[in-house]
Amino acid sequence: MSLTDLIPTLQLAIGPVILISGIGLILLSMTNRFGRIVDRSRNLSGDLRRAPPAVHKKISAQLHILADRARVLRAAIALATISVLLVSILVISLFLGALLQLDMAAFIVILFVLCMLSLIISLLLFISDLRLSLEAFWLEMPAQVRRKK
């Protein structure tokens, strides 16, 4: 295979590589949120040990929400990572298909669809985390400031 034969394959692979970069930025945001959840959970756990029994229920409720958020974000991070792995396999498949002159269209379509489904579910979980974070936020607000859900 000559360089001129390889150029269209390189051009075709640029799109998925850009997708890897975009998903990487989403993963950065998710892992930052996950780190904040872990830090906040550690702080609240310490507060719970030192707090008077009257506020244990409020702190426990916040810790339960943080645990739910951690589970949701863990799943979102895993799915986004799977999406990046699928894109990586897609790029390799594009090159191998071109190099070995294999008909890999069906396999490439399946990889791309799986990648997008994984990314979509990951983003939906990310939205779910945002909803949960608002629940924890409203628990911290004084009763007169809280809005009805």
Protein backbone atom coordinates (compact mmCIF):
# COMPACT_ATOMS: atom_id res chain seq x y z
CA MET A 1 0.00 0.00 0.00
CA SER A 2 1.42 3.36 -1.00
CA LEU A 3 1.17 6.62 0.90
CA THR A 4 -1.35 7.98 -1.57
CA ASP A 5 -3.53 4.93 -0.92
CA LEU A 6 -3.23 5.48 2.83
CA ILE A 7 -4.23 9.17 2.83
CA PRO A 8 -8.01 8.54 2.44
CA THR A 9 -7.85 6.10 5.36
CA LEU A 10 -6.05 8.69 7.47
CA GLN A 11 -8.68 11.28 6.57
CA LEU A 12 -11.41 8.81 7.48
CA ALA A 13 -9.77 8.08 10.86
CA ILE A 14 -9.56 11.76 11.87
CA GLY A 15 -13.25 11.90 12.86
CA PRO A 16 -13.05 9.08 15.40
CA VAL A 17 -9.78 10.47 16.79
CA ILE A 18 -11.51 13.81 17.39
CA LEU A 19 -14.27 11.88 19.16
CA ILE A 20 -11.64 10.42 21.51
CA SER A 21 -10.51 13.94 22.39
CA GLY A 22 -14.07 15.10 23.06
CA ILE A 23 -14.89 12.12 25.23
CA GLY A 24 -11.61 12.69 27.06
CA LEU A 25 -12.80 16.16 28.06
CA ILE A 26 -16.10 14.73 29.27
CA LEU A 27 -14.18 12.11 31.27
CA LEU A 28 -12.08 14.87 32.82
CA SER A 29 -15.24 16.62 33.98
CA MET A 30 -16.72 13.40 35.34
CA THR A 31 -13.58 12.39 37.22
CA ASN A 32 -13.33 15.88 38.74
CA ARG A 33 -16.92 15.58 39.96
CA PHE A 34 -16.16 12.09 41.28
CA GLY A 35 -13.16 13.42 43.21
CA ARG A 36 -15.30 16.16 44.71
CA ILE A 37 -17.86 13.56 45.80
CA VAL A 38 -15.16 11.51 47.53
CA ASP A 39 -13.74 14.58 49.28
CA ARG A 40 -17.19 15.79 50.36
CA SER A 41 -18.08 12.30 51.64
CA ARG A 42 -14.92 12.17 53.74
CA ASN A 43 -15.68 15.59 55.22
CA LEU A 44 -19.29 14.70 55.99
CA SER A 45 -18.25 11.37 57.55
CA GLY A 46 -15.98 13.29 59.92
CA ASP A 47 -18.78 15.77 60.61
CA LEU A 48 -21.16 12.90 61.36
CA ARG A 49 -18.83 11.51 64.03
CA ARG A 50 -18.49 14.91 65.70
CA ALA A 51 -22.04 16.20 65.21
CA PRO A 52 -24.77 16.16 67.83
CA PRO A 53 -27.43 13.48 67.26
CA ALA A 54 -29.94 16.14 66.18
CA VAL A 55 -28.14 16.67 62.84
CA HIS A 56 -27.20 13.02 62.17
CA LYS A 57 -30.28 12.50 59.98
CA LYS A 58 -29.45 15.47 57.74
CA ILE A 59 -25.80 14.46 57.33
CA SER A 60 -26.76 10.83 56.71
CA ALA A 61 -29.20 11.92 54.00
CA GLN A 62 -26.43 13.89 52.31
CA LEU A 63 -24.07 10.90 52.55
CA HIS A 64 -26.70 8.64 50.96
CA ILE A 65 -27.08 11.06 48.06
CA LEU A 66 -23.31 11.26 47.67
CA ALA A 67 -23.10 7.45 47.61
CA ASP A 68 -25.78 7.36 44.89
CA ARG A 69 -23.91 10.02 42.94
CA ALA A 70 -20.65 8.08 43.23
CA ARG A 71 -22.33 4.95 41.86
CA VAL A 72 -23.93 6.88 38.99
CA LEU A 73 -20.70 8.65 38.09
CA ARG A 74 -18.70 5.43 38.31
CA ALA A 75 -21.04 3.89 35.74
CA ALA A 76 -20.89 7.03 33.57
CA ILE A 77 -17.08 7.03 33.67
CA ALA A 78 -16.95 3.32 32.83
CA LEU A 79 -19.29 3.75 29.85
CA ALA A 80 -17.41 6.80 28.55
CA THR A 81 -14.16 4.83 28.85
CA ILE A 82 -15.72 1.90 26.98
CA SER A 83 -16.77 4.37 24.31
CA VAL A 84 -13.16 5.54 23.91
CA LEU A 85 -11.98 1.93 23.74
CA LEU A 86 -14.53 1.17 21.03
CA VAL A 87 -13.42 4.21 19.04
CA SER A 88 -9.81 3.06 19.36
CA ILE A 89 -10.75 -0.37 18.03
CA LEU A 90 -12.67 1.38 15.26
CA VAL A 91 -9.58 3.34 14.17
CA ILE A 92 -7.44 0.20 14.21
CA SER A 93 -10.12 -1.62 12.21
CA LEU A 94 -10.19 1.16 9.63
CA PHE A 95 -6.45 0.85 9.13
CA LEU A 96 -6.39 -2.95 9.10
CA GLY A 97 -9.31 -3.05 6.68
CA ALA A 98 -7.54 -0.65 4.33
CA LEU A 99 -4.15 -2.30 4.69
CA LEU A 100 -5.39 -5.86 4.27
CA GLN A 101 -8.18 -4.85 1.87
CA LEU A 102 -10.85 -6.49 4.03
CA ASP A 103 -14.56 -5.75 3.86
CA MET A 104 -15.10 -4.62 7.44
CA ALA A 105 -18.02 -2.25 6.87
CA ALA A 106 -20.50 -4.18 9.04
CA PHE A 107 -17.98 -4.55 11.88
CA ILE A 108 -17.11 -0.84 11.73
CA VAL A 109 -20.79 0.14 11.78
CA ILE A 110 -21.39 -2.08 14.81
CA LEU A 111 -18.39 -0.60 16.63
CA PHE A 112 -19.56 2.94 15.89
CA VAL A 113 -23.14 2.25 17.03
CA LEU A 114 -21.89 0.60 20.26
CA CYS A 115 -19.57 3.55 20.85
CA MET A 116 -22.41 6.05 20.44
CA LEU A 117 -24.81 4.04 22.63
CA SER A 118 -22.18 3.81 25.35
CA LEU A 119 -21.57 7.55 25.13
CA ILE A 120 -25.29 8.38 25.17
CA ILE A 121 -25.93 6.25 28.26
CA SER A 122 -22.86 7.78 29.92
CA LEU A 123 -24.18 11.29 29.27
CA LEU A 124 -27.64 10.36 30.57
CA LEU A 125 -26.01 9.10 33.77
CA PHE A 126 -24.06 12.36 33.97
CA ILE A 127 -27.35 14.26 33.81
CA SER A 128 -28.67 11.99 36.56
CA ASP A 129 -25.67 12.97 38.69
CA LEU A 130 -26.55 16.64 38.19
CA ARG A 131 -30.09 15.95 39.39
CA LEU A 132 -28.77 14.14 42.47
CA SER A 133 -26.36 16.98 43.22
CA LEU A 134 -29.30 19.38 43.31
CA GLU A 135 -31.06 17.12 45.81
CA ALA A 136 -28.02 17.33 48.11
CA PHE A 137 -27.87 21.09 47.55
CA TRP A 138 -31.47 21.54 48.65
CA LEU A 139 -30.80 19.51 51.80
CA GLU A 140 -28.21 22.09 52.81
CA MET A 141 -30.52 25.06 52.30
CA PRO A 142 -32.50 26.43 55.21
CA ALA A 143 -36.17 25.41 55.14
CA GLN A 144 -37.38 28.92 54.26
CA VAL A 145 -35.13 29.03 51.17
CA ARG A 146 -35.92 25.56 49.79
CA ARG A 147 -38.08 25.31 46.70
CA LYS A 148 -40.69 22.68 46.21
CA LYS A 149 -39.57 19.86 43.92
